[in-house]
PDB file of N, CA and C in Angstrom:
ATOM      1  N   MET A   1      -6.594 -24.997  15.993  1.00  0.00           N
ATOM      2  CA  MET A   1      -7.104 -25.048  14.639  1.00  0.00           C
ATOM      3  C   MET A   1      -6.040 -25.624  13.702  1.00  0.00           C
ATOM      4  N   PHE A   2      -4.837 -25.078  13.726  1.00  0.00           N
ATOM      5  CA  PHE A   2      -3.727 -25.617  12.948  1.00  0.00           C
ATOM      6  C   PHE A   2      -2.661 -26.109  13.907  1.00  0.00           C
ATOM      7  N   THR A   3      -1.969 -27.160  13.489  1.00  0.00           N
ATOM      8  CA  THR A   3      -0.874 -27.646  14.324  1.00  0.00           C
ATOM      9  C   THR A   3       0.355 -26.771  14.096  1.00  0.00           C
ATOM     10  N   THR A   4       1.324 -26.909  14.992  1.00  0.00           N
ATOM     11  CA  THR A   4       2.560 -26.132  14.871  1.00  0.00           C
ATOM     12  C   THR A   4       3.278 -26.456  13.568  1.00  0.00           C
ATOM     13  N   GLY A   5       3.281 -27.723  13.199  1.00  0.00           N
ATOM     14  CA  GLY A   5       3.929 -28.130  11.948  1.00  0.00           C
ATOM     15  C   GLY A   5       3.273 -27.508  10.728  1.00  0.00           C
ATOM     16  N   GLN A   6       1.952 -27.433  10.736  1.00  0.00           N
ATOM     17  CA  GLN A   6       1.244 -26.824   9.610  1.00  0.00           C
ATOM     18  C   GLN A   6       1.539 -25.331   9.516  1.00  0.00           C
ATOM     19  N   LEU A   7       1.607 -24.656  10.636  1.00  0.00           N
ATOM     20  CA  LEU A   7       1.918 -23.223  10.622  1.00  0.00           C
ATOM     21  C   LEU A   7       3.339 -22.971  10.127  1.00  0.00           C
ATOM     22  N   ILE A   8       4.287 -23.783  10.584  1.00  0.00           N
ATOM     23  CA  ILE A   8       5.679 -23.636  10.124  1.00  0.00           C
ATOM     24  C   ILE A   8       5.747 -23.870   8.623  1.00  0.00           C
ATOM     25  N   PHE A   9       5.078 -24.912   8.148  1.00  0.00           N
ATOM     26  CA  PHE A   9       5.067 -25.192   6.716  1.00  0.00           C
ATOM     27  C   PHE A   9       4.458 -24.017   5.936  1.00  0.00           C
ATOM     28  N   ALA A  10       3.356 -23.473   6.414  1.00  0.00           N
ATOM     29  CA  ALA A  10       2.702 -22.364   5.714  1.00  0.00           C
ATOM     30  C   ALA A  10       3.608 -21.149   5.628  1.00  0.00           C
ATOM     31  N   VAL A  11       4.288 -20.820   6.719  1.00  0.00           N
ATOM     32  CA  VAL A  11       5.188 -19.662   6.722  1.00  0.00           C
ATOM     33  C   VAL A  11       6.368 -19.902   5.782  1.00  0.00           C
ATOM     34  N   LEU A  12       6.986 -21.075   5.859  1.00  0.00           N
ATOM     35  CA  LEU A  12       8.117 -21.373   4.976  1.00  0.00           C
ATOM     36  C   LEU A  12       7.689 -21.409   3.515  1.00  0.00           C
ATOM     37  N   PHE A  13       6.514 -21.951   3.241  1.00  0.00           N
ATOM     38  CA  PHE A  13       6.007 -21.994   1.872  1.00  0.00           C
ATOM     39  C   PHE A  13       5.780 -20.580   1.342  1.00  0.00           C
ATOM     40  N   ALA A  14       5.175 -19.716   2.152  1.00  0.00           N
ATOM     41  CA  ALA A  14       4.899 -18.343   1.714  1.00  0.00           C
ATOM     42  C   ALA A  14       6.198 -17.591   1.439  1.00  0.00           C
ATOM     43  N   ILE A  15       7.174 -17.729   2.320  1.00  0.00           N
ATOM     44  CA  ILE A  15       8.461 -17.050   2.130  1.00  0.00           C
ATOM     45  C   ILE A  15       9.149 -17.556   0.870  1.00  0.00           C
ATOM     46  N   THR A  16       9.192 -18.879   0.689  1.00  0.00           N
ATOM     47  CA  THR A  16       9.836 -19.459  -0.492  1.00  0.00           C
ATOM     48  C   THR A  16       9.120 -19.033  -1.769  1.00  0.00           C
ATOM     49  N   PHE A  17       7.798 -19.051  -1.743  1.00  0.00           N
ATOM     50  CA  PHE A  17       7.017 -18.660  -2.906  1.00  0.00           C
ATOM     51  C   PHE A  17       7.295 -17.213  -3.288  1.00  0.00           C
ATOM     52  N   LEU A  18       7.307 -16.316  -2.318  1.00  0.00           N
ATOM     53  CA  LEU A  18       7.581 -14.903  -2.593  1.00  0.00           C
ATOM     54  C   LEU A  18       8.990 -14.692  -3.136  1.00  0.00           C
ATOM     55  N   LEU A  19       9.951 -15.414  -2.606  1.00  0.00           N
ATOM     56  CA  LEU A  19      11.326 -15.298  -3.106  1.00  0.00           C
ATOM     57  C   LEU A  19      11.431 -15.768  -4.558  1.00  0.00           C
ATOM     58  N   ILE A  20      10.794 -16.877  -4.874  1.00  0.00           N
ATOM     59  CA  ILE A  20      10.844 -17.390  -6.250  1.00  0.00           C
ATOM     60  C   ILE A  20      10.140 -16.440  -7.209  1.00  0.00           C
ATOM     61  N   ILE A  21       8.993 -15.917  -6.818  1.00  0.00           N
ATOM     62  CA  ILE A  21       8.267 -14.975  -7.671  1.00  0.00           C
ATOM     63  C   ILE A  21       9.086 -13.705  -7.897  1.00  0.00           C
ATOM     64  N   THR A  22       9.710 -13.198  -6.836  1.00  0.00           N
ATOM     65  CA  THR A  22      10.534 -11.990  -6.952  1.00  0.00           C
ATOM     66  C   THR A  22      11.720 -12.236  -7.868  1.00  0.00           C
ATOM     67  N   PHE A  23      12.397 -13.368  -7.699  1.00  0.00           N
ATOM     68  CA  PHE A  23      13.548 -13.699  -8.544  1.00  0.00           C
ATOM     69  C   PHE A  23      13.125 -13.826 -10.007  1.00  0.00           C
ATOM     70  N   SER A  24      12.006 -14.496 -10.260  1.00  0.00           N
ATOM     71  CA  SER A  24      11.528 -14.668 -11.636  1.00  0.00           C
ATOM     72  C   SER A  24      11.167 -13.335 -12.266  1.00  0.00           C
ATOM     73  N   TYR A  25      10.544 -12.442 -11.490  1.00  0.00           N
ATOM     74  CA  TYR A  25      10.172 -11.140 -12.024  1.00  0.00           C
ATOM     75  C   TYR A  25      11.414 -10.329 -12.381  1.00  0.00           C
ATOM     76  N   LYS A  26      12.404 -10.323 -11.492  1.00  0.00           N
ATOM     77  CA  LYS A  26      13.625  -9.561 -11.777  1.00  0.00           C
ATOM     78  C   LYS A  26      14.344 -10.113 -12.991  1.00  0.00           C
ATOM     79  N   LYS A  27      14.315 -11.425 -13.170  1.00  0.00           N
ATOM     80  CA  LYS A  27      14.988 -12.036 -14.305  1.00  0.00           C
ATOM     81  C   LYS A  27      14.309 -11.656 -15.621  1.00  0.00           C
ATOM     82  N   ASP A  28      12.983 -11.552 -15.630  1.00  0.00           N
ATOM     83  CA  ASP A  28      12.232 -11.287 -16.853  1.00  0.00           C
ATOM     84  C   ASP A  28      11.818  -9.830 -17.020  1.00  0.00           C
ATOM     85  N   LYS A  29      12.325  -8.929 -16.191  1.00  0.00           N
ATOM     86  CA  LYS A  29      11.872  -7.541 -16.207  1.00  0.00           C
ATOM     87  C   LYS A  29      12.106  -6.865 -17.558  1.00  0.00           C
ATOM     88  N   LYS A  30      13.271  -7.072 -18.169  1.00  0.00           N
ATOM     89  CA  LYS A  30      13.559  -6.443 -19.462  1.00  0.00           C
ATOM     90  C   LYS A  30      12.592  -6.920 -20.540  1.00  0.00           C
ATOM     91  N   ILE A  31      12.289  -8.203 -20.525  1.00  0.00           N
ATOM     92  CA  ILE A  31      11.371  -8.754 -21.529  1.00  0.00           C
ATOM     93  C   ILE A  31       9.967  -8.193 -21.323  1.00  0.00           C
ATOM     94  N   HIS A  32       9.530  -8.096 -20.072  1.00  0.00           N
ATOM     95  CA  HIS A  32       8.199  -7.565 -19.800  1.00  0.00           C
ATOM     96  C   HIS A  32       8.082  -6.102 -20.217  1.00  0.00           C
ATOM     97  N   LEU A  33       9.101  -5.316 -19.957  1.00  0.00           N
ATOM     98  CA  LEU A  33       9.059  -3.902 -20.345  1.00  0.00           C
ATOM     99  C   LEU A  33       8.977  -3.750 -21.862  1.00  0.00           C
ATOM    100  N   LYS A  34       9.622  -4.652 -22.595  1.00  0.00           N
ATOM    101  CA  LYS A  34       9.606  -4.583 -24.048  1.00  0.00           C
ATOM    102  C   LYS A  34       8.270  -5.073 -24.620  1.00  0.00           C
ATOM    103  N   ASN A  35       7.763  -6.187 -24.119  1.00  0.00           N
ATOM    104  CA  ASN A  35       6.572  -6.805 -24.698  1.00  0.00           C
ATOM    105  C   ASN A  35       5.269  -6.164 -24.253  1.00  0.00           C
ATOM    106  N   TYR A  36       5.238  -5.598 -23.060  1.00  0.00           N
ATOM    107  CA  TYR A  36       4.009  -5.037 -22.514  1.00  0.00           C
ATOM    108  C   TYR A  36       4.123  -3.523 -22.359  1.00  0.00           C
ATOM    109  N   LYS A  37       4.631  -2.879 -23.407  1.00  0.00           N
ATOM    110  CA  LYS A  37       4.926  -1.453 -23.350  1.00  0.00           C
ATOM    111  C   LYS A  37       3.687  -0.590 -23.127  1.00  0.00           C
ATOM    112  N   GLY A  38       2.561  -0.875 -23.790  1.00  0.00           N
ATOM    113  CA  GLY A  38       1.379  -0.015 -23.696  1.00  0.00           C
ATOM    114  C   GLY A  38       0.294  -0.551 -22.784  1.00  0.00           C
ATOM    115  N   VAL A  39       0.610  -1.518 -21.959  1.00  0.00           N
ATOM    116  CA  VAL A  39      -0.412  -2.163 -21.140  1.00  0.00           C
ATOM    117  C   VAL A  39      -0.970  -1.227 -20.065  1.00  0.00           C
ATOM    118  N   ILE A  40      -0.236  -0.198 -19.699  1.00  0.00           N
ATOM    119  CA  ILE A  40      -0.722   0.745 -18.679  1.00  0.00           C
ATOM    120  C   ILE A  40      -1.983   1.446 -19.158  1.00  0.00           C
ATOM    121  N   TRP A  41      -2.103   1.685 -20.456  1.00  0.00           N
ATOM    122  CA  TRP A  41      -3.286   2.358 -20.984  1.00  0.00           C
ATOM    123  C   TRP A  41      -4.510   1.452 -20.920  1.00  0.00           C
ATOM    124  N   VAL A  42      -4.315   0.158 -21.036  1.00  0.00           N
ATOM    125  CA  VAL A  42      -5.423  -0.782 -20.875  1.00  0.00           C
ATOM    126  C   VAL A  42      -5.928  -0.720 -19.435  1.00  0.00           C
ATOM    127  N   LEU A  43      -5.003  -0.672 -18.475  1.00  0.00           N
ATOM    128  CA  LEU A  43      -5.380  -0.570 -17.062  1.00  0.00           C
ATOM    129  C   LEU A  43      -6.117   0.732 -16.783  1.00  0.00           C
ATOM    130  N   VAL A  44      -5.616   1.838 -17.307  1.00  0.00           N
ATOM    131  CA  VAL A  44      -6.267   3.137 -17.104  1.00  0.00           C
ATOM    132  C   VAL A  44      -7.667   3.126 -17.705  1.00  0.00           C
ATOM    133  N   SER A  45      -7.808   2.588 -18.895  1.00  0.00           N
ATOM    134  CA  SER A  45      -9.131   2.512 -19.541  1.00  0.00           C
ATOM    135  C   SER A  45     -10.093   1.657 -18.729  1.00  0.00           C
ATOM    136  N   PHE A  46      -9.613   0.543 -18.219  1.00  0.00           N
ATOM    137  CA  PHE A  46     -10.454  -0.340 -17.416  1.00  0.00           C
ATOM    138  C   PHE A  46     -10.909   0.357 -16.136  1.00  0.00           C
ATOM    139  N   LEU A  47     -10.010   1.074 -15.484  1.00  0.00           N
ATOM    140  CA  LEU A  47     -10.374   1.785 -14.261  1.00  0.00           C
ATOM    141  C   LEU A  47     -11.381   2.895 -14.534  1.00  0.00           C
ATOM    142  N   ILE A  48     -11.202   3.613 -15.637  1.00  0.00           N
ATOM    143  CA  ILE A  48     -12.165   4.654 -16.020  1.00  0.00           C
ATOM    144  C   ILE A  48     -13.530   4.033 -16.297  1.00  0.00           C
ATOM    145  N   PHE A  49     -13.543   2.897 -16.956  1.00  0.00           N
ATOM    146  CA  PHE A  49     -14.792   2.198 -17.227  1.00  0.00           C
ATOM    147  C   PHE A  49     -15.490   1.781 -15.928  1.00  0.00           C
ATOM    148  N   LEU A  50     -14.728   1.268 -14.958  1.00  0.00           N
ATOM    149  CA  LEU A  50     -15.313   0.880 -13.672  1.00  0.00           C
ATOM    150  C   LEU A  50     -15.889   2.084 -12.933  1.00  0.00           C
ATOM    151  N   VAL A  51     -15.193   3.201 -12.957  1.00  0.00           N
ATOM    152  CA  VAL A  51     -15.704   4.418 -12.320  1.00  0.00           C
ATOM    153  C   VAL A  51     -16.976   4.874 -13.018  1.00  0.00           C
ATOM    154  N   PHE A  52     -16.993   4.799 -14.336  1.00  0.00           N
ATOM    155  CA  PHE A  52     -18.172   5.165 -15.110  1.00  0.00           C
ATOM    156  C   PHE A  52     -19.370   4.296 -14.723  1.00  0.00           C
ATOM    157  N   LEU A  53     -19.168   2.984 -14.608  1.00  0.00           N
ATOM    158  CA  LEU A  53     -20.253   2.088 -14.193  1.00  0.00           C
ATOM    159  C   LEU A  53     -20.730   2.415 -12.785  1.00  0.00           C
ATOM    160  N   PHE A  54     -19.810   2.713 -11.887  1.00  0.00           N
ATOM    161  CA  PHE A  54     -20.168   3.083 -10.524  1.00  0.00           C
ATOM    162  C   PHE A  54     -21.001   4.360 -10.505  1.00  0.00           C
ATOM    163  N   LEU A  55     -20.620   5.331 -11.312  1.00  0.00           N
ATOM    164  CA  LEU A  55     -21.372   6.585 -11.382  1.00  0.00           C
ATOM    165  C   LEU A  55     -22.778   6.370 -11.953  1.00  0.00           C
ATOM    166  N   ILE A  56     -22.888   5.539 -12.969  1.00  0.00           N
ATOM    167  CA  ILE A  56     -24.207   5.240 -13.536  1.00  0.00           C
ATOM    168  C   ILE A  56     -25.073   4.550 -12.486  1.00  0.00           C
ATOM    169  N   LYS A  57     -24.490   3.604 -11.777  1.00  0.00           N
ATOM    170  CA  LYS A  57     -25.242   2.881 -10.740  1.00  0.00           C
ATOM    171  C   LYS A  57     -25.780   3.852  -9.686  1.00  0.00           C
ATOM    172  N   ASN A  58     -24.926   4.739  -9.216  1.00  0.00           N
ATOM    173  CA  ASN A  58     -25.354   5.705  -8.194  1.00  0.00           C
ATOM    174  C   ASN A  58     -26.361   6.704  -8.743  1.00  0.00           C
ATOM    175  N   PHE A  59     -26.200   7.111  -9.982  1.00  0.00           N
ATOM    176  CA  PHE A  59     -27.133   8.057 -10.588  1.00  0.00           C
ATOM    177  C   PHE A  59     -28.527   7.428 -10.746  1.00  0.00           C
ATOM    178  N   LEU A  60     -28.589   6.170 -11.186  1.00  0.00           N
ATOM    179  CA  LEU A  60     -29.861   5.511 -11.387  1.00  0.00           C
ATOM    180  C   LEU A  60     -30.503   5.093 -10.074  1.00  0.00           C
ATOM    181  N   LYS A  61     -29.699   4.909  -9.053  1.00  0.00           N
ATOM    182  CA  LYS A  61     -30.224   4.513  -7.752  1.00  0.00           C
ATOM    183  C   LYS A  61     -31.020   5.664  -7.111  1.00  0.00           C
ATOM    184  N   ASN A  62     -30.572   6.887  -7.320  1.00  0.00           N
ATOM    185  CA  ASN A  62     -31.244   8.057  -6.716  1.00  0.00           C
ATOM    186  C   ASN A  62     -32.397   8.483  -7.521  1.00  0.00           C
TER     187      ASN A  62
END
């Protein structure tokens, strides 16, 4: 399905991509903590909303 060269390229690309993303995140961590201080509450609210929709769906289904 894939040649050996394509598989080697895919593995090297994935490793390089993950390393660059990790390095960039560590470099910008202080800025992210300062600028996105209350973002966890948005995530919690969104998850509660999804659970609420799931419960409504199951309640109306029965």
